[in-house]
Amino acid sequence: MITLESVAKHYGEAVAVDGISLTADAQQTTVLIGPSGSGKSTLLRLMIGLIRPDAGTVRIGGETLTAATIQSLRHRMGYVIQEGGLFPHLTGRRNAALLAHHLGWSDARIDDRIAELTDLVQLHPDRLSQYPDELSGGQRQRVSLMRALMLDPDVLLLDEPLGALDPMIRADLQDDLRAIFRRLGKTVVLVTHDIGEAGYFGDHVVLLRAGTVEQRGTMQTLVHDPASEFVASFIQAQRAPLEHLGD
């Protein structure tokens, strides 16, 4: 479980997160959606400790994220960003095993875990000998997911993981990711700007606006019982273009 209590983050005069309190339940997928600048990615970076809040508290599994606990808590969290964020000078395998090597895992233990993860993310083992620029976008994201899962973390944080992919690859990865989430039972927080993707993944959806929570609940609640005109407008603006053909 991830808990944020009255968390705020400012950059000079700009307010990125304005006193947000929310909970990401254990073994559930919580999706953060909202327009650009609403605070989605900032919240994810606060959860993993890449930035520190100006006010409020972040707790991971009941333990407060502080300077003293940040390293141990990060080992309990996997983090995936758009386009993978892989190191270009390392092969897929070296990228996936980077933290395990850092922590002194044996070669045999790494080999076993790599074998488990290639099967899980449905990546052909031969691809791991290639460098990121030799892999497709979808393959890079699968390697990035392997890296995030290498230590078998309790929490998985994903920041627009499919945003840079073409629609067909994105659809395939959506299916695979949802199957992985359900199989592993991790606490997942996923950032997306796509309302359809939010509904596909989210057990719980949080719609943000200007650093605050505009509405939270199931996607059905947001669609059928919007809490404000902004919520209704945000959802209406993302209607599929094909829906307009009969208008």
C-alpha atoms as a PDB file:
ATOM      1  CA  MET A   1       0.000   0.000   0.000  1.00  0.00           C
ATOM      2  CA  ILE A   2       1.134   3.551  -0.780  1.00  0.00           C
ATOM      3  CA  THR A   3      -0.218   6.440   1.266  1.00  0.00           C
ATOM      4  CA  LEU A   4       0.226  10.157   0.623  1.00  0.00           C
ATOM      5  CA  GLU A   5      -0.885  12.549   3.340  1.00  0.00           C
ATOM      6  CA  SER A   6      -1.269  16.261   2.505  1.00  0.00           C
ATOM      7  CA  VAL A   7       1.668  16.106   0.095  1.00  0.00           C
ATOM      8  CA  ALA A   8       2.727  19.330  -1.610  1.00  0.00           C
ATOM      9  CA  LYS A   9       5.456  20.164  -4.101  1.00  0.00           C
ATOM     10  CA  HIS A  10       6.310  23.589  -5.484  1.00  0.00           C
ATOM     11  CA  TYR A  11       8.816  24.799  -8.060  1.00  0.00           C
ATOM     12  CA  GLY A  12       9.255  28.448  -7.282  1.00  0.00           C
ATOM     13  CA  GLU A  13       5.870  30.070  -7.801  1.00  0.00           C
ATOM     14  CA  ALA A  14       4.507  27.059  -9.661  1.00  0.00           C
ATOM     15  CA  VAL A  15       2.430  24.546  -7.687  1.00  0.00           C
ATOM     16  CA  ALA A  16       2.961  20.996  -8.985  1.00  0.00           C
ATOM     17  CA  VAL A  17       1.125  19.147  -6.197  1.00  0.00           C
ATOM     18  CA  ASP A  18      -1.162  21.001  -3.814  1.00  0.00           C
ATOM     19  CA  GLY A  19      -1.776  19.093  -0.580  1.00  0.00           C
ATOM     20  CA  ILE A  20      -2.874  15.777  -2.058  1.00  0.00           C
ATOM     21  CA  SER A  21      -3.905  12.845   0.117  1.00  0.00           C
ATOM     22  CA  LEU A  22      -4.534   9.486  -1.526  1.00  0.00           C
ATOM     23  CA  THR A  23      -4.012   5.762  -1.090  1.00  0.00           C
ATOM     24  CA  ALA A  24      -2.954   3.149  -3.632  1.00  0.00           C
ATOM     25  CA  ASP A  25      -4.324  -0.101  -2.267  1.00  0.00           C
ATOM     26  CA  ALA A  26      -2.241  -3.262  -2.058  1.00  0.00           C
ATOM     27  CA  GLN A  27      -2.545  -5.671  -4.995  1.00  0.00           C
ATOM     28  CA  GLN A  28      -4.628  -3.155  -6.934  1.00  0.00           C
ATOM     29  CA  THR A  29      -3.868  -0.952  -9.940  1.00  0.00           C
ATOM     30  CA  THR A  30      -4.336   2.758  -9.305  1.00  0.00           C
ATOM     31  CA  VAL A  31      -4.257   4.934 -12.419  1.00  0.00           C
ATOM     32  CA  LEU A  32      -3.412   8.649 -12.352  1.00  0.00           C
ATOM     33  CA  ILE A  33      -4.900  10.606 -15.247  1.00  0.00           C
ATOM     34  CA  GLY A  34      -5.290  14.279 -16.090  1.00  0.00           C
ATOM     35  CA  PRO A  35      -4.105  16.944 -18.533  1.00  0.00           C
ATOM     36  CA  SER A  36      -0.475  17.971 -18.904  1.00  0.00           C
ATOM     37  CA  GLY A  37       0.764  19.796 -15.825  1.00  0.00           C
ATOM     38  CA  SER A  38      -1.827  18.261 -13.514  1.00  0.00           C
ATOM     39  CA  GLY A  39       0.796  16.598 -11.295  1.00  0.00           C
ATOM     40  CA  LYS A  40       0.663  12.955 -12.447  1.00  0.00           C
ATOM     41  CA  SER A  41       4.366  12.345 -12.991  1.00  0.00           C
ATOM     42  CA  THR A  42       5.309  14.510 -10.020  1.00  0.00           C
ATOM     43  CA  LEU A  43       3.249  12.267  -7.745  1.00  0.00           C
ATOM     44  CA  LEU A  44       5.010   9.188  -9.105  1.00  0.00           C
ATOM     45  CA  ARG A  45       8.434  10.752  -8.529  1.00  0.00           C
ATOM     46  CA  LEU A  46       7.406  11.640  -4.989  1.00  0.00           C
ATOM     47  CA  MET A  47       6.363   8.033  -4.368  1.00  0.00           C
ATOM     48  CA  ILE A  48       9.730   6.646  -5.423  1.00  0.00           C
ATOM     49  CA  GLY A  49      11.710   9.408  -3.748  1.00  0.00           C
ATOM     50  CA  LEU A  50      13.266  10.987  -6.834  1.00  0.00           C
ATOM     51  CA  ILE A  51      12.029  14.289  -5.431  1.00  0.00           C
ATOM     52  CA  ARG A  52      11.119  15.209  -1.859  1.00  0.00           C
ATOM     53  CA  PRO A  53       7.819  16.834  -0.875  1.00  0.00           C
ATOM     54  CA  ASP A  54       7.823  20.373   0.481  1.00  0.00           C
ATOM     55  CA  ALA A  55       5.117  19.271   2.902  1.00  0.00           C
ATOM     56  CA  GLY A  56       3.279  16.097   3.817  1.00  0.00           C
ATOM     57  CA  THR A  57       4.222  12.443   4.162  1.00  0.00           C
ATOM     58  CA  VAL A  58       4.757   9.552   1.749  1.00  0.00           C
ATOM     59  CA  ARG A  59       4.474   6.013   3.168  1.00  0.00           C
ATOM     60  CA  ILE A  60       5.290   2.755   1.406  1.00  0.00           C
ATOM     61  CA  GLY A  61       3.824  -0.269   3.139  1.00  0.00           C
ATOM     62  CA  GLY A  62       3.420   1.751   6.324  1.00  0.00           C
ATOM     63  CA  GLU A  63       7.049   2.949   6.356  1.00  0.00           C
ATOM     64  CA  THR A  64       7.678   6.679   5.904  1.00  0.00           C
ATOM     65  CA  LEU A  65       9.861   7.668   2.967  1.00  0.00           C
ATOM     66  CA  THR A  66      12.774   9.681   4.382  1.00  0.00           C
ATOM     67  CA  ALA A  67      16.438  10.261   3.592  1.00  0.00           C
ATOM     68  CA  ALA A  68      17.247   7.375   5.947  1.00  0.00           C
ATOM     69  CA  THR A  69      14.796   4.881   4.420  1.00  0.00           C
ATOM     70  CA  ILE A  70      14.856   5.856   0.751  1.00  0.00           C
ATOM     71  CA  GLN A  71      17.420   3.286  -0.425  1.00  0.00           C
ATOM     72  CA  SER A  72      15.805   0.301   1.258  1.00  0.00           C
ATOM     73  CA  LEU A  73      12.329   1.366   0.145  1.00  0.00           C
ATOM     74  CA  ARG A  74      13.450   1.848  -3.462  1.00  0.00           C
ATOM     75  CA  HIS A  75      14.516  -1.787  -3.537  1.00  0.00           C
ATOM     76  CA  ARG A  76      10.867  -2.615  -2.864  1.00  0.00           C
ATOM     77  CA  MET A  77       9.683  -0.563  -5.836  1.00  0.00           C
ATOM     78  CA  GLY A  78      10.056  -1.049  -9.578  1.00  0.00           C
ATOM     79  CA  TYR A  79       9.948   2.002 -11.853  1.00  0.00           C
ATOM     80  CA  VAL A  80       9.189   2.108 -15.598  1.00  0.00           C
ATOM     81  CA  ILE A  81       9.226   5.302 -17.652  1.00  0.00           C
ATOM     82  CA  GLN A  82       8.213   6.207 -21.192  1.00  0.00           C
ATOM     83  CA  GLU A  83      10.477   4.620 -23.822  1.00  0.00           C
ATOM     84  CA  GLY A  84      12.078   2.438 -21.127  1.00  0.00           C
ATOM     85  CA  GLY A  85      14.931   4.645 -19.990  1.00  0.00           C
ATOM     86  CA  LEU A  86      17.484   1.926 -20.771  1.00  0.00           C
ATOM     87  CA  PHE A  87      21.220   2.649 -20.740  1.00  0.00           C
ATOM     88  CA  PRO A  88      22.311   2.662 -24.415  1.00  0.00           C
ATOM     89  CA  HIS A  89      25.799   1.253 -23.725  1.00  0.00           C
ATOM     90  CA  LEU A  90      24.447  -1.850 -21.968  1.00  0.00           C
ATOM     91  CA  THR A  91      22.829  -4.895 -23.544  1.00  0.00           C
ATOM     92  CA  GLY A  92      19.241  -5.756 -22.678  1.00  0.00           C
ATOM     93  CA  ARG A  93      20.482  -8.355 -20.221  1.00  0.00           C
ATOM     94  CA  ARG A  94      22.877  -5.961 -18.487  1.00  0.00           C
ATOM     95  CA  ASN A  95      20.110  -3.362 -18.261  1.00  0.00           C
ATOM     96  CA  ALA A  96      17.681  -5.862 -16.771  1.00  0.00           C
ATOM     97  CA  ALA A  97      20.209  -7.181 -14.237  1.00  0.00           C
ATOM     98  CA  LEU A  98      21.774  -3.830 -13.338  1.00  0.00           C
ATOM     99  CA  LEU A  99      20.519  -3.532  -9.769  1.00  0.00           C
ATOM    100  CA  ALA A 100      20.969  -7.232  -9.063  1.00  0.00           C
ATOM    101  CA  HIS A 101      24.637  -6.928 -10.035  1.00  0.00           C
ATOM    102  CA  HIS A 102      24.932  -3.839  -7.839  1.00  0.00           C
ATOM    103  CA  LEU A 103      23.539  -5.776  -4.877  1.00  0.00           C
ATOM    104  CA  GLY A 104      25.986  -8.639  -5.421  1.00  0.00           C
ATOM    105  CA  TRP A 105      23.661 -11.355  -6.661  1.00  0.00           C
ATOM    106  CA  SER A 106      25.426 -14.474  -7.929  1.00  0.00           C
ATOM    107  CA  ASP A 107      25.499 -15.183 -11.678  1.00  0.00           C
ATOM    108  CA  ALA A 108      23.388 -18.295 -11.132  1.00  0.00           C
ATOM    109  CA  ARG A 109      20.716 -16.351  -9.243  1.00  0.00           C
ATOM    110  CA  ILE A 110      20.652 -13.669 -11.937  1.00  0.00           C
ATOM    111  CA  ASP A 111      20.401 -16.303 -14.673  1.00  0.00           C
ATOM    112  CA  ASP A 112      17.428 -17.924 -12.952  1.00  0.00           C
ATOM    113  CA  ARG A 113      15.644 -14.617 -12.481  1.00  0.00           C
ATOM    114  CA  ILE A 114      16.316 -13.504 -16.060  1.00  0.00           C
ATOM    115  CA  ALA A 115      14.850 -16.769 -17.328  1.00  0.00           C
ATOM    116  CA  GLU A 116      11.714 -16.252 -15.225  1.00  0.00           C
ATOM    117  CA  LEU A 117      11.276 -12.689 -16.424  1.00  0.00           C
ATOM    118  CA  THR A 118      11.832 -13.308 -20.136  1.00  0.00           C
ATOM    119  CA  ASP A 119       9.054 -15.860 -19.924  1.00  0.00           C
ATOM    120  CA  LEU A 120       6.842 -13.481 -17.938  1.00  0.00           C
ATOM    121  CA  VAL A 121       7.175 -10.527 -20.328  1.00  0.00           C
ATOM    122  CA  GLN A 122       7.224 -12.776 -23.426  1.00  0.00           C
ATOM    123  CA  LEU A 123      10.578 -11.570 -24.743  1.00  0.00           C
ATOM    124  CA  HIS A 124      12.752 -13.947 -26.754  1.00  0.00           C
ATOM    125  CA  PRO A 125      15.988 -14.562 -24.797  1.00  0.00           C
ATOM    126  CA  ASP A 126      18.103 -13.767 -27.881  1.00  0.00           C
ATOM    127  CA  ARG A 127      16.958 -10.148 -27.681  1.00  0.00           C
ATOM    128  CA  LEU A 128      18.805  -9.704 -24.390  1.00  0.00           C
ATOM    129  CA  SER A 129      22.163  -9.793 -26.158  1.00  0.00           C
ATOM    130  CA  GLN A 130      21.195  -6.732 -28.187  1.00  0.00           C
ATOM    131  CA  TYR A 131      21.614  -3.072 -27.284  1.00  0.00           C
ATOM    132  CA  PRO A 132      18.606  -0.760 -26.854  1.00  0.00           C
ATOM    133  CA  ASP A 133      18.997   0.882 -30.269  1.00  0.00           C
ATOM    134  CA  GLU A 134      18.787  -2.583 -31.842  1.00  0.00           C
ATOM    135  CA  LEU A 135      15.459  -3.320 -30.158  1.00  0.00           C
ATOM    136  CA  SER A 136      11.973  -2.198 -31.130  1.00  0.00           C
ATOM    137  CA  GLY A 137      10.040   0.157 -28.864  1.00  0.00           C
ATOM    138  CA  GLY A 138       7.950  -2.699 -27.532  1.00  0.00           C
ATOM    139  CA  GLN A 139      11.028  -4.824 -26.863  1.00  0.00           C
ATOM    140  CA  ARG A 140      12.704  -1.964 -24.991  1.00  0.00           C
ATOM    141  CA  GLN A 141       9.644  -1.623 -22.784  1.00  0.00           C
ATOM    142  CA  ARG A 142       9.681  -5.355 -22.041  1.00  0.00           C
ATOM    143  CA  VAL A 143      13.342  -5.119 -20.987  1.00  0.00           C
ATOM    144  CA  SER A 144      12.502  -2.073 -18.870  1.00  0.00           C
ATOM    145  CA  LEU A 145       9.723  -4.032 -17.196  1.00  0.00           C
ATOM    146  CA  MET A 146      12.166  -6.886 -16.526  1.00  0.00           C
ATOM    147  CA  ARG A 147      14.534  -4.410 -14.863  1.00  0.00           C
ATOM    148  CA  ALA A 148      11.708  -3.037 -12.727  1.00  0.00           C
ATOM    149  CA  LEU A 149      10.677  -6.545 -11.645  1.00  0.00           C
ATOM    150  CA  MET A 150      14.192  -7.957 -11.163  1.00  0.00           C
ATOM    151  CA  LEU A 151      14.154  -7.693  -7.358  1.00  0.00           C
ATOM    152  CA  ASP A 152      10.526  -8.875  -7.134  1.00  0.00           C
ATOM    153  CA  PRO A 153       9.354  -5.558  -5.654  1.00  0.00           C
ATOM    154  CA  ASP A 154       6.110  -5.069  -3.753  1.00  0.00           C
ATOM    155  CA  VAL A 155       5.274  -1.928  -5.737  1.00  0.00           C
ATOM    156  CA  LEU A 156       5.405  -1.173  -9.457  1.00  0.00           C
ATOM    157  CA  LEU A 157       5.310   2.443 -10.662  1.00  0.00           C
ATOM    158  CA  LEU A 158       4.826   3.151 -14.374  1.00  0.00           C
ATOM    159  CA  ASP A 159       4.987   6.626 -15.932  1.00  0.00           C
ATOM    160  CA  GLU A 160       3.297   6.642 -19.362  1.00  0.00           C
ATOM    161  CA  PRO A 161       4.990   3.304 -20.178  1.00  0.00           C
ATOM    162  CA  LEU A 162       3.182   2.856 -23.501  1.00  0.00           C
ATOM    163  CA  GLY A 163       2.863   6.461 -24.605  1.00  0.00           C
ATOM    164  CA  ALA A 164       5.576   6.386 -27.297  1.00  0.00           C
ATOM    165  CA  LEU A 165       4.481   3.153 -28.984  1.00  0.00           C
ATOM    166  CA  ASP A 166       2.485   2.777 -32.164  1.00  0.00           C
ATOM    167  CA  PRO A 167      -1.142   1.672 -31.658  1.00  0.00           C
ATOM    168  CA  MET A 168      -0.770  -2.023 -32.562  1.00  0.00           C
ATOM    169  CA  ILE A 169       2.299  -2.590 -30.386  1.00  0.00           C
ATOM    170  CA  ARG A 170       0.627  -0.598 -27.637  1.00  0.00           C
ATOM    171  CA  ALA A 171      -2.472  -2.797 -27.744  1.00  0.00           C
ATOM    172  CA  ASP A 172      -0.373  -5.967 -27.489  1.00  0.00           C
ATOM    173  CA  LEU A 173       1.577  -4.601 -24.542  1.00  0.00           C
ATOM    174  CA  GLN A 174      -1.599  -3.461 -22.802  1.00  0.00           C
ATOM    175  CA  ASP A 175      -2.885  -7.031 -22.879  1.00  0.00           C
ATOM    176  CA  ASP A 176       0.426  -8.408 -21.632  1.00  0.00           C
ATOM    177  CA  LEU A 177       0.814  -5.810 -18.894  1.00  0.00           C
ATOM    178  CA  ARG A 178      -2.662  -6.360 -17.503  1.00  0.00           C
ATOM    179  CA  ALA A 179      -2.053 -10.112 -17.448  1.00  0.00           C
ATOM    180  CA  ILE A 180       1.238  -9.543 -15.608  1.00  0.00           C
ATOM    181  CA  PHE A 181      -0.389  -7.261 -13.043  1.00  0.00           C
ATOM    182  CA  ARG A 182      -3.094  -9.826 -12.323  1.00  0.00           C
ATOM    183  CA  ARG A 183      -0.648 -12.728 -12.179  1.00  0.00           C
ATOM    184  CA  LEU A 184       1.828 -11.039  -9.818  1.00  0.00           C
ATOM    185  CA  GLY A 185      -0.632  -9.238  -7.535  1.00  0.00           C
ATOM    186  CA  LYS A 186       1.612  -6.184  -7.146  1.00  0.00           C
ATOM    187  CA  THR A 187       0.588  -2.762  -5.899  1.00  0.00           C
ATOM    188  CA  VAL A 188       0.630  -0.816  -9.176  1.00  0.00           C
ATOM    189  CA  VAL A 189       0.443   2.925  -9.823  1.00  0.00           C
ATOM    190  CA  LEU A 190       0.262   3.830 -13.502  1.00  0.00           C
ATOM    191  CA  VAL A 191       0.306   7.290 -15.076  1.00  0.00           C
ATOM    192  CA  THR A 192      -1.436   7.816 -18.403  1.00  0.00           C
ATOM    193  CA  HIS A 193      -3.132  10.616 -20.300  1.00  0.00           C
ATOM    194  CA  ASP A 194      -5.342   8.117 -22.141  1.00  0.00           C
ATOM    195  CA  ILE A 195      -8.813   7.596 -20.667  1.00  0.00           C
ATOM    196  CA  GLY A 196      -9.278   4.251 -22.420  1.00  0.00           C
ATOM    197  CA  GLU A 197      -6.000   2.953 -21.019  1.00  0.00           C
ATOM    198  CA  ALA A 198      -6.990   4.166 -17.560  1.00  0.00           C
ATOM    199  CA  GLY A 199     -10.246   2.239 -17.763  1.00  0.00           C
ATOM    200  CA  TYR A 200      -8.497  -0.862 -19.095  1.00  0.00           C
ATOM    201  CA  PHE A 201      -5.951  -1.056 -16.271  1.00  0.00           C
ATOM    202  CA  GLY A 202      -7.456   0.762 -13.332  1.00  0.00           C
ATOM    203  CA  ASP A 203      -9.147  -0.794 -10.325  1.00  0.00           C
ATOM    204  CA  HIS A 204      -9.122   2.770  -9.008  1.00  0.00           C
ATOM    205  CA  VAL A 205      -8.776   5.943 -11.087  1.00  0.00           C
ATOM    206  CA  VAL A 206      -7.619   9.352  -9.817  1.00  0.00           C
ATOM    207  CA  LEU A 207      -8.284  12.345 -12.072  1.00  0.00           C
ATOM    208  CA  LEU A 208      -5.950  15.257 -11.326  1.00  0.00           C
ATOM    209  CA  ARG A 209      -6.272  18.927 -12.157  1.00  0.00           C
ATOM    210  CA  ALA A 210      -3.680  21.621 -11.377  1.00  0.00           C
ATOM    211  CA  GLY A 211      -2.049  19.583  -8.625  1.00  0.00           C
ATOM    212  CA  THR A 212      -5.259  18.557  -6.871  1.00  0.00           C
ATOM    213  CA  VAL A 213      -7.597  15.556  -7.008  1.00  0.00           C
ATOM    214  CA  GLU A 214     -10.695  16.411  -9.031  1.00  0.00           C
ATOM    215  CA  GLN A 215     -12.357  12.997  -8.650  1.00  0.00           C
ATOM    216  CA  ARG A 216     -11.426   9.449  -7.677  1.00  0.00           C
ATOM    217  CA  GLY A 217     -13.228   6.136  -7.999  1.00  0.00           C
ATOM    218  CA  THR A 218     -13.892   3.531 -10.659  1.00  0.00           C
ATOM    219  CA  MET A 219     -13.861   4.560 -14.293  1.00  0.00           C
ATOM    220  CA  GLN A 220     -17.588   3.804 -14.423  1.00  0.00           C
ATOM    221  CA  THR A 221     -18.138   6.385 -11.689  1.00  0.00           C
ATOM    222  CA  LEU A 222     -16.139   9.052 -13.498  1.00  0.00           C
ATOM    223  CA  VAL A 223     -17.944   8.411 -16.769  1.00  0.00           C
ATOM    224  CA  HIS A 224     -21.503   8.088 -15.446  1.00  0.00           C
ATOM    225  CA  ASP A 225     -21.359  10.304 -12.368  1.00  0.00           C
ATOM    226  CA  PRO A 226     -18.768  13.042 -12.964  1.00  0.00           C
ATOM    227  CA  ALA A 227     -18.142  15.214  -9.915  1.00  0.00           C
ATOM    228  CA  SER A 228     -17.668  18.419 -11.897  1.00  0.00           C
ATOM    229  CA  GLU A 229     -17.961  19.973 -15.324  1.00  0.00           C
ATOM    230  CA  PHE A 230     -14.194  19.546 -15.699  1.00  0.00           C
ATOM    231  CA  VAL A 231     -14.486  15.769 -15.238  1.00  0.00           C
ATOM    232  CA  ALA A 232     -17.287  15.542 -17.786  1.00  0.00           C
ATOM    233  CA  SER A 233     -15.359  17.716 -20.263  1.00  0.00           C
ATOM    234  CA  PHE A 234     -12.130  15.770 -19.808  1.00  0.00           C
ATOM    235  CA  ILE A 235     -13.850  12.472 -20.548  1.00  0.00           C
ATOM    236  CA  GLN A 236     -15.883  13.874 -23.441  1.00  0.00           C
ATOM    237  CA  ALA A 237     -12.740  15.329 -25.038  1.00  0.00           C
ATOM    238  CA  GLN A 238     -11.234  11.855 -25.292  1.00  0.00           C
ATOM    239  CA  ARG A 239     -14.102  10.229 -27.134  1.00  0.00           C
ATOM    240  CA  ALA A 240     -12.728   8.039 -29.892  1.00  0.00           C
ATOM    241  CA  PRO A 241     -12.787   9.874 -33.267  1.00  0.00           C
ATOM    242  CA  LEU A 242     -14.794   7.037 -34.821  1.00  0.00           C
ATOM    243  CA  GLU A 243     -17.630   7.776 -32.400  1.00  0.00           C
ATOM    244  CA  HIS A 244     -18.174  11.080 -34.189  1.00  0.00           C
ATOM    245  CA  LEU A 245     -18.710   9.526 -37.622  1.00  0.00           C
ATOM    246  CA  GLY A 246     -22.415   9.186 -37.023  1.00  0.00           C
ATOM    247  CA  ASP A 247     -22.831  12.746 -35.688  1.00  0.00           C
END
